[in-house]
Amino acid sequence: MENKQKTYFVSGIGTDVGKTVVSALLVEAMQADYWKPIQAGDLHHSDTDKVRALVANRNSQFHPNAYALKTPASPHYAAELDGVDIELAKISKPNTENSLIIEGAGGLMVPLNSNELILDLVESLSVEVILVMNNYLGSINHSLLTLEVLKQRKIPLKGIIFCGETYAPGENYILSYSGARFLGRVPHLKDLSAETIHKLAEQYKFLKDD
């Protein structure tokens, strides 16, 4: 039987673009496991806690952070404040036979230490990226820069998910210029609940076998 196990790294063009909501949707749609390698700040209400609360299926497992840092800041600085060094060699994918959704911290060029970035983490994990975008002044530039660095590093891109309000001129340009695959859209959710996530997740079940 063909192995349908999938691993996707959810990154964004910046902070607060919808990565955690998208991660919850993908976990629910694929009944996949979830892993956030590096959590900086909000340790009592972490992204893992948020995703767990939004996922209804019973198959998903939630794996512990490789690094759980106290300060809501860039990982390199949060780690410095905690007196630790983030080492890529100590960050390895959880042992699971299930599909896995990995959520990054901020964008791809976020520093982990003095000479390594989230981008280096993605490369070391050998995974496909799902890129989350939302629309704001400057988002076309941020999106195309992010896509360009993935291309330069030869990191595979599964596709793009847009979050929030639609802005067709920007979205169409990004897709046309980059040739990236459009995977879906997540509207602004006034009612963010497990029920809402479950309904929206239907649109992403194709990723289980795609």
C-alpha atoms as a PDB file:
ATOM      1  CA  MET A   1       0.000   0.000   0.000  1.00  0.00           C
ATOM      2  CA  GLU A   2       1.264   3.481  -0.906  1.00  0.00           C
ATOM      3  CA  ASN A   3       2.433   5.580   2.029  1.00  0.00           C
ATOM      4  CA  LYS A   4       0.252   8.693   2.218  1.00  0.00           C
ATOM      5  CA  GLN A   5       2.150  10.237   5.094  1.00  0.00           C
ATOM      6  CA  LYS A   6       2.721  13.958   4.427  1.00  0.00           C
ATOM      7  CA  THR A   7       4.749  16.611   6.189  1.00  0.00           C
ATOM      8  CA  TYR A   8       4.184  20.313   5.592  1.00  0.00           C
ATOM      9  CA  PHE A   9       5.912  23.313   7.150  1.00  0.00           C
ATOM     10  CA  VAL A  10       3.504  26.236   7.574  1.00  0.00           C
ATOM     11  CA  SER A  11       5.316  29.539   7.255  1.00  0.00           C
ATOM     12  CA  GLY A  12       4.138  33.079   6.609  1.00  0.00           C
ATOM     13  CA  ILE A  13       5.223  36.343   5.034  1.00  0.00           C
ATOM     14  CA  GLY A  14       5.415  37.826   8.543  1.00  0.00           C
ATOM     15  CA  THR A  15       3.848  37.652  11.976  1.00  0.00           C
ATOM     16  CA  ASP A  16       0.099  37.575  12.626  1.00  0.00           C
ATOM     17  CA  VAL A  17      -0.766  36.505   9.092  1.00  0.00           C
ATOM     18  CA  GLY A  18      -2.827  33.468  10.109  1.00  0.00           C
ATOM     19  CA  LYS A  19      -0.305  30.613  10.413  1.00  0.00           C
ATOM     20  CA  THR A  20      -1.848  29.144  13.552  1.00  0.00           C
ATOM     21  CA  VAL A  21      -5.399  29.125  12.168  1.00  0.00           C
ATOM     22  CA  VAL A  22      -4.166  27.604   8.906  1.00  0.00           C
ATOM     23  CA  SER A  23      -2.198  25.013  10.865  1.00  0.00           C
ATOM     24  CA  ALA A  24      -5.341  24.063  12.786  1.00  0.00           C
ATOM     25  CA  LEU A  25      -7.285  23.736   9.519  1.00  0.00           C
ATOM     26  CA  LEU A  26      -4.650  21.481   8.009  1.00  0.00           C
ATOM     27  CA  VAL A  27      -4.347  19.350  11.139  1.00  0.00           C
ATOM     28  CA  GLU A  28      -8.118  18.866  11.170  1.00  0.00           C
ATOM     29  CA  ALA A  29      -8.405  18.279   7.421  1.00  0.00           C
ATOM     30  CA  MET A  30      -5.614  15.701   7.329  1.00  0.00           C
ATOM     31  CA  GLN A  31      -6.103  14.383  10.881  1.00  0.00           C
ATOM     32  CA  ALA A  32      -2.399  15.057  11.098  1.00  0.00           C
ATOM     33  CA  ASP A  33      -0.111  15.575  14.069  1.00  0.00           C
ATOM     34  CA  TYR A  34       1.010  19.091  15.012  1.00  0.00           C
ATOM     35  CA  TRP A  35       4.420  20.352  16.034  1.00  0.00           C
ATOM     36  CA  LYS A  36       5.720  23.846  16.753  1.00  0.00           C
ATOM     37  CA  PRO A  37       9.492  23.458  17.099  1.00  0.00           C
ATOM     38  CA  ILE A  38      10.049  26.867  18.685  1.00  0.00           C
ATOM     39  CA  GLN A  39       7.564  28.728  20.881  1.00  0.00           C
ATOM     40  CA  ALA A  40       8.592  32.201  22.019  1.00  0.00           C
ATOM     41  CA  GLY A  41       6.300  33.673  24.674  1.00  0.00           C
ATOM     42  CA  ASP A  42       2.718  32.810  25.699  1.00  0.00           C
ATOM     43  CA  LEU A  43       3.825  29.541  27.256  1.00  0.00           C
ATOM     44  CA  HIS A  44       0.588  29.304  29.241  1.00  0.00           C
ATOM     45  CA  HIS A  45      -1.492  29.732  26.069  1.00  0.00           C
ATOM     46  CA  SER A  46       0.867  28.565  23.358  1.00  0.00           C
ATOM     47  CA  ASP A  47       0.173  27.991  19.683  1.00  0.00           C
ATOM     48  CA  THR A  48       0.065  24.276  20.457  1.00  0.00           C
ATOM     49  CA  ASP A  49      -2.676  24.946  23.029  1.00  0.00           C
ATOM     50  CA  LYS A  50      -4.570  27.083  20.512  1.00  0.00           C
ATOM     51  CA  VAL A  51      -4.420  24.466  17.765  1.00  0.00           C
ATOM     52  CA  ARG A  52      -5.381  21.675  20.177  1.00  0.00           C
ATOM     53  CA  ALA A  53      -8.487  23.649  21.182  1.00  0.00           C
ATOM     54  CA  LEU A  54      -9.488  24.110  17.534  1.00  0.00           C
ATOM     55  CA  VAL A  55      -9.050  20.492  16.440  1.00  0.00           C
ATOM     56  CA  ALA A  56     -11.968  18.092  16.853  1.00  0.00           C
ATOM     57  CA  ASN A  57     -10.609  14.803  15.524  1.00  0.00           C
ATOM     58  CA  ARG A  58      -9.131  12.237  17.920  1.00  0.00           C
ATOM     59  CA  ASN A  59      -6.281  11.026  15.741  1.00  0.00           C
ATOM     60  CA  SER A  60      -4.036  14.077  15.928  1.00  0.00           C
ATOM     61  CA  GLN A  61      -1.181  14.147  18.408  1.00  0.00           C
ATOM     62  CA  PHE A  62       0.455  17.346  19.643  1.00  0.00           C
ATOM     63  CA  HIS A  63       4.195  17.103  20.037  1.00  0.00           C
ATOM     64  CA  PRO A  64       6.230  19.164  22.519  1.00  0.00           C
ATOM     65  CA  ASN A  65       8.296  22.146  21.445  1.00  0.00           C
ATOM     66  CA  ALA A  66      11.993  21.617  20.915  1.00  0.00           C
ATOM     67  CA  TYR A  67      12.445  25.036  22.530  1.00  0.00           C
ATOM     68  CA  ALA A  68       9.891  26.800  24.742  1.00  0.00           C
ATOM     69  CA  LEU A  69      11.100  30.341  25.398  1.00  0.00           C
ATOM     70  CA  LYS A  70       9.598  32.819  27.846  1.00  0.00           C
ATOM     71  CA  THR A  71       9.735  36.083  25.901  1.00  0.00           C
ATOM     72  CA  PRO A  72       7.508  36.969  22.918  1.00  0.00           C
ATOM     73  CA  ALA A  73      10.387  38.041  20.690  1.00  0.00           C
ATOM     74  CA  SER A  74      12.561  36.807  17.852  1.00  0.00           C
ATOM     75  CA  PRO A  75      13.752  33.302  18.844  1.00  0.00           C
ATOM     76  CA  HIS A  76      17.419  34.315  18.866  1.00  0.00           C
ATOM     77  CA  TYR A  77      16.758  37.091  21.373  1.00  0.00           C
ATOM     78  CA  ALA A  78      14.210  35.138  23.438  1.00  0.00           C
ATOM     79  CA  ALA A  79      16.765  32.329  23.722  1.00  0.00           C
ATOM     80  CA  GLU A  80      19.479  34.784  24.774  1.00  0.00           C
ATOM     81  CA  LEU A  81      17.220  36.116  27.537  1.00  0.00           C
ATOM     82  CA  ASP A  82      16.610  32.545  28.721  1.00  0.00           C
ATOM     83  CA  GLY A  83      20.316  31.778  28.670  1.00  0.00           C
ATOM     84  CA  VAL A  84      20.064  29.059  26.028  1.00  0.00           C
ATOM     85  CA  ASP A  85      21.374  28.557  22.504  1.00  0.00           C
ATOM     86  CA  ILE A  86      19.096  27.277  19.758  1.00  0.00           C
ATOM     87  CA  GLU A  87      20.914  24.485  17.939  1.00  0.00           C
ATOM     88  CA  LEU A  88      19.526  23.025  14.719  1.00  0.00           C
ATOM     89  CA  ALA A  89      21.144  19.683  15.498  1.00  0.00           C
ATOM     90  CA  LYS A  90      18.845  19.395  18.520  1.00  0.00           C
ATOM     91  CA  ILE A  91      15.662  20.002  16.508  1.00  0.00           C
ATOM     92  CA  SER A  92      14.421  16.819  14.876  1.00  0.00           C
ATOM     93  CA  LYS A  93      11.006  15.820  13.612  1.00  0.00           C
ATOM     94  CA  PRO A  94       8.838  13.893  16.087  1.00  0.00           C
ATOM     95  CA  ASN A  95       8.688  10.153  15.637  1.00  0.00           C
ATOM     96  CA  THR A  96       5.224   9.549  14.202  1.00  0.00           C
ATOM     97  CA  GLU A  97       3.629   7.399  11.533  1.00  0.00           C
ATOM     98  CA  ASN A  98       0.997  10.070  10.990  1.00  0.00           C
ATOM     99  CA  SER A  99       1.125  13.074   8.677  1.00  0.00           C
ATOM    100  CA  LEU A 100       2.642  16.112  10.361  1.00  0.00           C
ATOM    101  CA  ILE A 101       1.974  19.845  10.253  1.00  0.00           C
ATOM    102  CA  ILE A 102       4.912  21.934  11.457  1.00  0.00           C
ATOM    103  CA  GLU A 103       4.277  25.582  12.328  1.00  0.00           C
ATOM    104  CA  GLY A 104       7.119  28.042  12.051  1.00  0.00           C
ATOM    105  CA  ALA A 105       7.787  31.196  14.051  1.00  0.00           C
ATOM    106  CA  GLY A 106       7.219  34.398  12.082  1.00  0.00           C
ATOM    107  CA  GLY A 107       8.672  34.411   8.568  1.00  0.00           C
ATOM    108  CA  LEU A 108      11.477  32.485   6.927  1.00  0.00           C
ATOM    109  CA  MET A 109      14.187  35.054   7.654  1.00  0.00           C
ATOM    110  CA  VAL A 110      13.562  35.117  11.404  1.00  0.00           C
ATOM    111  CA  PRO A 111      16.869  34.438  13.219  1.00  0.00           C
ATOM    112  CA  LEU A 112      17.344  31.408  15.448  1.00  0.00           C
ATOM    113  CA  ASN A 113      20.867  32.204  16.550  1.00  0.00           C
ATOM    114  CA  SER A 114      23.803  34.283  15.385  1.00  0.00           C
ATOM    115  CA  ASN A 115      24.055  32.631  11.979  1.00  0.00           C
ATOM    116  CA  GLU A 116      20.949  30.512  11.300  1.00  0.00           C
ATOM    117  CA  LEU A 117      17.379  31.343  10.353  1.00  0.00           C
ATOM    118  CA  ILE A 118      13.983  29.651  10.258  1.00  0.00           C
ATOM    119  CA  LEU A 119      14.862  29.068   6.605  1.00  0.00           C
ATOM    120  CA  ASP A 120      17.778  26.891   7.690  1.00  0.00           C
ATOM    121  CA  LEU A 121      15.459  24.928   9.971  1.00  0.00           C
ATOM    122  CA  VAL A 122      13.076  24.262   7.077  1.00  0.00           C
ATOM    123  CA  GLU A 123      15.961  23.122   4.915  1.00  0.00           C
ATOM    124  CA  SER A 124      17.319  20.837   7.634  1.00  0.00           C
ATOM    125  CA  LEU A 125      13.927  19.169   8.072  1.00  0.00           C
ATOM    126  CA  SER A 126      13.608  18.455   4.307  1.00  0.00           C
ATOM    127  CA  VAL A 127       9.921  19.387   4.112  1.00  0.00           C
ATOM    128  CA  GLU A 128       7.531  21.127   1.733  1.00  0.00           C
ATOM    129  CA  VAL A 129       6.370  24.618   2.641  1.00  0.00           C
ATOM    130  CA  ILE A 130       2.825  25.923   2.704  1.00  0.00           C
ATOM    131  CA  LEU A 131       3.041  29.708   2.687  1.00  0.00           C
ATOM    132  CA  VAL A 132       0.385  31.820   4.424  1.00  0.00           C
ATOM    133  CA  MET A 133      -0.268  35.339   3.157  1.00  0.00           C
ATOM    134  CA  ASN A 134      -2.642  38.139   4.005  1.00  0.00           C
ATOM    135  CA  ASN A 135      -3.226  41.469   2.342  1.00  0.00           C
ATOM    136  CA  TYR A 136      -1.768  44.732   3.597  1.00  0.00           C
ATOM    137  CA  LEU A 137       0.294  47.542   2.137  1.00  0.00           C
ATOM    138  CA  GLY A 138       3.612  45.889   1.321  1.00  0.00           C
ATOM    139  CA  SER A 139       2.345  42.318   1.249  1.00  0.00           C
ATOM    140  CA  ILE A 140       3.118  41.845  -2.451  1.00  0.00           C
ATOM    141  CA  ASN A 141       6.741  42.741  -1.805  1.00  0.00           C
ATOM    142  CA  HIS A 142       6.972  40.542   1.297  1.00  0.00           C
ATOM    143  CA  SER A 143       5.305  37.649  -0.524  1.00  0.00           C
ATOM    144  CA  LEU A 144       7.521  37.762  -3.598  1.00  0.00           C
ATOM    145  CA  LEU A 145      10.675  38.126  -1.489  1.00  0.00           C
ATOM    146  CA  THR A 146       9.675  35.072   0.549  1.00  0.00           C
ATOM    147  CA  LEU A 147       8.918  33.049  -2.569  1.00  0.00           C
ATOM    148  CA  GLU A 148      12.224  34.122  -4.117  1.00  0.00           C
ATOM    149  CA  VAL A 149      14.291  32.960  -1.143  1.00  0.00           C
ATOM    150  CA  LEU A 150      12.538  29.569  -1.209  1.00  0.00           C
ATOM    151  CA  LYS A 151      13.382  29.302  -4.898  1.00  0.00           C
ATOM    152  CA  GLN A 152      17.012  30.277  -4.338  1.00  0.00           C
ATOM    153  CA  ARG A 153      17.423  27.653  -1.627  1.00  0.00           C
ATOM    154  CA  LYS A 154      15.574  25.045  -3.725  1.00  0.00           C
ATOM    155  CA  ILE A 155      13.066  24.413  -0.932  1.00  0.00           C
ATOM    156  CA  PRO A 156       9.868  22.894  -2.336  1.00  0.00           C
ATOM    157  CA  LEU A 157       6.686  24.970  -2.090  1.00  0.00           C
ATOM    158  CA  LYS A 158       3.392  23.116  -1.882  1.00  0.00           C
ATOM    159  CA  GLY A 159       1.414  26.285  -2.416  1.00  0.00           C
ATOM    160  CA  ILE A 160      -0.136  29.429  -1.002  1.00  0.00           C
ATOM    161  CA  ILE A 161      -3.079  29.998   1.329  1.00  0.00           C
ATOM    162  CA  PHE A 162      -4.483  33.522   1.616  1.00  0.00           C
ATOM    163  CA  CYS A 163      -6.013  34.694   4.894  1.00  0.00           C
ATOM    164  CA  GLY A 164      -8.387  37.529   5.714  1.00  0.00           C
ATOM    165  CA  GLU A 165      -9.900  40.048   3.351  1.00  0.00           C
ATOM    166  CA  THR A 166      -9.557  39.455  -0.383  1.00  0.00           C
ATOM    167  CA  TYR A 167      -7.472  41.818  -2.486  1.00  0.00           C
ATOM    168  CA  ALA A 168      -7.603  40.407  -5.992  1.00  0.00           C
ATOM    169  CA  PRO A 169      -5.055  42.758  -7.657  1.00  0.00           C
ATOM    170  CA  GLY A 170      -2.357  41.765  -5.186  1.00  0.00           C
ATOM    171  CA  GLU A 171      -3.222  38.076  -4.975  1.00  0.00           C
ATOM    172  CA  ASN A 172      -3.502  37.651  -8.727  1.00  0.00           C
ATOM    173  CA  TYR A 173      -0.144  39.343  -9.254  1.00  0.00           C
ATOM    174  CA  ILE A 174       1.596  37.158  -6.667  1.00  0.00           C
ATOM    175  CA  LEU A 175       0.222  33.965  -8.201  1.00  0.00           C
ATOM    176  CA  SER A 176       0.873  35.053 -11.789  1.00  0.00           C
ATOM    177  CA  TYR A 177       4.412  36.314 -11.190  1.00  0.00           C
ATOM    178  CA  SER A 178       5.558  33.427  -9.018  1.00  0.00           C
ATOM    179  CA  GLY A 179       3.665  30.566 -10.650  1.00  0.00           C
ATOM    180  CA  ALA A 180       2.899  29.281  -7.152  1.00  0.00           C
ATOM    181  CA  ARG A 181      -0.082  27.034  -6.620  1.00  0.00           C
ATOM    182  CA  PHE A 182      -3.186  28.482  -4.965  1.00  0.00           C
ATOM    183  CA  LEU A 183      -4.331  26.061  -2.251  1.00  0.00           C
ATOM    184  CA  GLY A 184      -7.206  27.981  -0.721  1.00  0.00           C
ATOM    185  CA  ARG A 185      -8.487  30.931   1.228  1.00  0.00           C
ATOM    186  CA  VAL A 186      -9.345  31.393   4.893  1.00  0.00           C
ATOM    187  CA  PRO A 187     -11.770  34.276   5.455  1.00  0.00           C
ATOM    188  CA  HIS A 188     -11.705  36.506   8.501  1.00  0.00           C
ATOM    189  CA  LEU A 189     -13.376  34.381  11.188  1.00  0.00           C
ATOM    190  CA  LYS A 190     -15.537  36.177  13.726  1.00  0.00           C
ATOM    191  CA  ASP A 191     -16.373  32.853  15.345  1.00  0.00           C
ATOM    192  CA  LEU A 192     -13.095  31.000  15.750  1.00  0.00           C
ATOM    193  CA  SER A 193     -14.117  27.627  17.151  1.00  0.00           C
ATOM    194  CA  ALA A 194     -13.497  23.929  16.615  1.00  0.00           C
ATOM    195  CA  GLU A 195     -16.831  23.708  14.785  1.00  0.00           C
ATOM    196  CA  THR A 196     -15.857  26.479  12.367  1.00  0.00           C
ATOM    197  CA  ILE A 197     -12.448  24.930  11.755  1.00  0.00           C
ATOM    198  CA  HIS A 198     -14.030  21.522  11.153  1.00  0.00           C
ATOM    199  CA  LYS A 199     -16.345  22.953   8.483  1.00  0.00           C
ATOM    200  CA  LEU A 200     -13.602  24.884   6.710  1.00  0.00           C
ATOM    201  CA  ALA A 201     -11.250  21.903   6.872  1.00  0.00           C
ATOM    202  CA  GLU A 202     -13.365  20.088   4.278  1.00  0.00           C
ATOM    203  CA  GLN A 203     -11.745  22.286   1.620  1.00  0.00           C
ATOM    204  CA  TYR A 204      -8.278  21.010   2.489  1.00  0.00           C
ATOM    205  CA  LYS A 205      -8.813  17.265   2.695  1.00  0.00           C
ATOM    206  CA  PHE A 206      -7.282  16.894  -0.757  1.00  0.00           C
ATOM    207  CA  LEU A 207      -3.864  17.512   0.827  1.00  0.00           C
ATOM    208  CA  LYS A 208      -4.041  14.072   2.454  1.00  0.00           C
ATOM    209  CA  ASP A 209      -3.507  12.419  -0.908  1.00  0.00           C
ATOM    210  CA  ASP A 210      -2.246  15.221  -3.140  1.00  0.00           C
END
